[in-house]
């Protein structure tokens, strides 16, 4: 049968939550790797990636807010 709007929004929200969890795991791995590094160039690359992950988190938060608005 056809999914209701609420069900579709719930599915999308669930996907964003899973994506956020996966990104958090990647960030943890990157931070652990960075702790063991001495090479400043490699550390800088990891810090750049961590900044990009944070940008993605910000985007996901904005989308979750939009989903909440759509549910109203």
N, C-alpha and C. Protein backbone atom coordinates (compact mmCIF):
# COMPACT_ATOMS: atom_id res chain seq x y z
N UNK A 1 0.83 -1.19 0.00
CA UNK A 1 0.00 0.00 0.00
C UNK A 1 0.88 1.26 0.00
N UNK A 2 0.23 2.37 -0.21
CA UNK A 2 0.94 3.65 -0.21
C UNK A 2 1.35 4.02 1.21
N UNK A 3 2.60 4.47 1.33
CA UNK A 3 3.07 4.97 2.62
C UNK A 3 2.43 6.32 2.90
N UNK A 4 2.14 6.55 4.14
CA UNK A 4 1.63 7.86 4.50
C UNK A 4 2.79 8.84 4.56
N UNK A 5 2.45 10.09 4.54
CA UNK A 5 3.48 11.14 4.63
C UNK A 5 4.29 10.97 5.91
N UNK A 6 3.60 10.68 7.00
CA UNK A 6 4.26 10.52 8.30
C UNK A 6 5.24 9.35 8.26
N UNK A 7 4.86 8.26 7.63
CA UNK A 7 5.74 7.09 7.53
C UNK A 7 6.98 7.42 6.69
N UNK A 8 6.77 8.14 5.60
CA UNK A 8 7.91 8.51 4.75
C UNK A 8 8.85 9.45 5.49
N UNK A 9 8.29 10.42 6.21
CA UNK A 9 9.13 11.33 6.98
C UNK A 9 9.89 10.57 8.06
N UNK A 10 9.22 9.60 8.69
CA UNK A 10 9.89 8.79 9.70
C UNK A 10 11.03 7.98 9.12
N UNK A 11 10.82 7.44 7.92
CA UNK A 11 11.88 6.68 7.25
C UNK A 11 13.07 7.57 6.95
N UNK A 12 12.79 8.74 6.40
CA UNK A 12 13.88 9.68 6.06
C UNK A 12 14.63 10.09 7.32
N UNK A 13 13.88 10.39 8.36
CA UNK A 13 14.52 10.78 9.62
C UNK A 13 15.40 9.65 10.16
N UNK A 14 14.91 8.42 10.06
CA UNK A 14 15.70 7.27 10.50
C UNK A 14 16.99 7.13 9.71
N UNK A 15 16.93 7.39 8.41
CA UNK A 15 18.13 7.32 7.58
C UNK A 15 19.14 8.38 7.99
N UNK A 16 18.64 9.58 8.32
CA UNK A 16 19.55 10.63 8.78
C UNK A 16 20.19 10.26 10.11
N UNK A 17 19.44 9.63 10.98
CA UNK A 17 19.99 9.21 12.28
C UNK A 17 21.08 8.17 12.06
N UNK A 18 20.82 7.19 11.19
CA UNK A 18 21.83 6.16 10.90
C UNK A 18 23.08 6.79 10.28
N UNK A 19 22.88 7.71 9.38
CA UNK A 19 24.02 8.39 8.74
C UNK A 19 24.82 9.16 9.78
N UNK A 20 24.14 9.84 10.69
CA UNK A 20 24.82 10.58 11.75
C UNK A 20 25.66 9.64 12.62
N UNK A 21 25.10 8.47 12.93
CA UNK A 21 25.83 7.51 13.75
C UNK A 21 27.08 7.01 13.02
N UNK A 22 26.94 6.74 11.73
CA UNK A 22 28.09 6.28 10.95
C UNK A 22 29.18 7.35 10.88
N UNK A 23 28.77 8.59 10.70
CA UNK A 23 29.74 9.68 10.65
C UNK A 23 30.43 9.83 12.00
N UNK A 24 29.68 9.70 13.08
CA UNK A 24 30.27 9.79 14.42
C UNK A 24 31.33 8.71 14.61
N UNK A 25 31.05 7.50 14.13
CA UNK A 25 32.03 6.42 14.23
C UNK A 25 33.28 6.74 13.41
N UNK A 26 33.09 7.27 12.22
CA UNK A 26 34.23 7.66 11.39
C UNK A 26 35.07 8.74 12.08
N UNK A 27 34.39 9.69 12.69
CA UNK A 27 35.10 10.77 13.39
C UNK A 27 35.92 10.21 14.55
N UNK A 28 35.34 9.27 15.29
CA UNK A 28 36.07 8.64 16.40
C UNK A 28 37.33 7.95 15.89
N UNK A 29 37.20 7.23 14.78
CA UNK A 29 38.36 6.54 14.19
C UNK A 29 39.43 7.55 13.78
N UNK A 30 38.99 8.63 13.14
CA UNK A 30 39.93 9.65 12.68
C UNK A 30 40.66 10.29 13.87
N UNK A 31 39.91 10.58 14.93
CA UNK A 31 40.52 11.21 16.10
C UNK A 31 41.52 10.27 16.77
N UNK A 32 41.19 8.99 16.84
CA UNK A 32 42.13 8.02 17.42
C UNK A 32 43.40 7.93 16.58
N UNK A 33 43.22 7.91 15.26
CA UNK A 33 44.38 7.85 14.37
C UNK A 33 45.25 9.10 14.54
N UNK A 34 44.60 10.24 14.65
CA UNK A 34 45.32 11.50 14.76
C UNK A 34 46.17 11.54 16.04
N UNK A 35 45.66 10.94 17.11
CA UNK A 35 46.40 10.94 18.37
C UNK A 35 47.74 10.22 18.26
N UNK A 36 47.81 9.23 17.37
CA UNK A 36 49.04 8.44 17.25
C UNK A 36 50.01 9.00 16.21
N UNK A 37 49.60 10.03 15.50
CA UNK A 37 50.44 10.57 14.43
C UNK A 37 51.39 11.64 14.95
N UNK A 38 52.51 11.73 14.29
CA UNK A 38 53.49 12.79 14.57
C UNK A 38 53.63 13.73 13.36
N UNK A 39 53.27 13.23 12.19
CA UNK A 39 53.39 14.00 10.95
C UNK A 39 52.32 15.10 10.90
N UNK A 40 52.77 16.34 10.94
CA UNK A 40 51.86 17.48 10.98
C UNK A 40 50.99 17.58 9.72
N UNK A 41 51.52 17.16 8.58
CA UNK A 41 50.73 17.19 7.35
C UNK A 41 49.55 16.22 7.43
N UNK A 42 49.80 15.03 7.93
CA UNK A 42 48.72 14.05 8.07
C UNK A 42 47.70 14.50 9.11
N UNK A 43 48.18 15.12 10.18
CA UNK A 43 47.28 15.64 11.20
C UNK A 43 46.39 16.73 10.60
N UNK A 44 46.96 17.58 9.78
CA UNK A 44 46.19 18.66 9.15
C UNK A 44 45.11 18.09 8.23
N UNK A 45 45.44 17.02 7.51
CA UNK A 45 44.46 16.39 6.62
C UNK A 45 43.30 15.82 7.43
N UNK A 46 43.61 15.18 8.54
CA UNK A 46 42.57 14.61 9.39
C UNK A 46 41.71 15.71 9.99
N UNK A 47 42.33 16.80 10.41
CA UNK A 47 41.56 17.91 10.96
C UNK A 47 40.61 18.49 9.91
N UNK A 48 41.05 18.55 8.67
CA UNK A 48 40.20 19.01 7.58
C UNK A 48 38.99 18.10 7.42
N UNK A 49 39.25 16.79 7.45
CA UNK A 49 38.15 15.83 7.33
C UNK A 49 37.17 15.97 8.48
N UNK A 50 37.70 16.18 9.69
CA UNK A 50 36.83 16.34 10.85
C UNK A 50 35.95 17.58 10.71
N UNK A 51 36.50 18.64 10.15
CA UNK A 51 35.71 19.85 9.90
C UNK A 51 34.60 19.57 8.90
N UNK A 52 34.91 18.79 7.87
CA UNK A 52 33.89 18.44 6.88
C UNK A 52 32.80 17.58 7.51
N UNK A 53 33.19 16.65 8.38
CA UNK A 53 32.20 15.84 9.09
C UNK A 53 31.29 16.73 9.93
N UNK A 54 31.87 17.73 10.58
CA UNK A 54 31.06 18.65 11.37
C UNK A 54 30.09 19.44 10.50
N UNK A 55 30.53 19.81 9.29
CA UNK A 55 29.64 20.49 8.35
C UNK A 55 28.47 19.59 7.98
N UNK A 56 28.75 18.31 7.79
CA UNK A 56 27.68 17.36 7.46
C UNK A 56 26.72 17.23 8.63
N UNK A 57 27.24 17.18 9.86
CA UNK A 57 26.37 17.13 11.03
C UNK A 57 25.44 18.35 11.07
N UNK A 58 25.99 19.52 10.77
CA UNK A 58 25.18 20.74 10.76
C UNK A 58 24.07 20.62 9.73
N UNK A 59 24.41 20.12 8.55
CA UNK A 59 23.42 19.93 7.50
C UNK A 59 22.34 18.94 7.96
N UNK A 60 22.73 17.84 8.55
CA UNK A 60 21.77 16.84 9.01
C UNK A 60 20.85 17.42 10.09
N UNK A 61 21.40 18.24 10.97
CA UNK A 61 20.57 18.90 11.99
C UNK A 61 19.54 19.82 11.34
N UNK A 62 19.95 20.55 10.32
CA UNK A 62 19.03 21.44 9.62
C UNK A 62 17.91 20.64 8.96
N UNK A 63 18.27 19.53 8.35
CA UNK A 63 17.27 18.69 7.68
C UNK A 63 16.30 18.10 8.71
N UNK A 64 16.81 17.66 9.85
CA UNK A 64 15.93 17.13 10.89
C UNK A 64 14.96 18.21 11.35
N UNK A 65 15.42 19.45 11.42
CA UNK A 65 14.53 20.56 11.76
C UNK A 65 13.45 20.75 10.72
N UNK A 66 13.82 20.63 9.46
CA UNK A 66 12.85 20.75 8.37
C UNK A 66 11.82 19.62 8.43
N UNK A 67 12.28 18.43 8.74
CA UNK A 67 11.37 17.30 8.87
C UNK A 67 10.37 17.56 10.00
N UNK A 68 10.86 18.09 11.11
CA UNK A 68 9.98 18.41 12.23
C UNK A 68 8.92 19.44 11.81
N UNK A 69 9.34 20.42 11.02
CA UNK A 69 8.38 21.42 10.52
C UNK A 69 7.34 20.78 9.62
N UNK A 70 7.75 19.85 8.78
CA UNK A 70 6.81 19.18 7.89
C UNK A 70 5.79 18.34 8.64
N UNK A 71 6.18 17.87 9.82
CA UNK A 71 5.26 17.05 10.61
C UNK A 71 4.17 17.90 11.27
N UNK A 72 4.39 19.19 11.36
CA UNK A 72 3.41 20.07 12.03
C UNK A 72 2.17 20.25 11.19
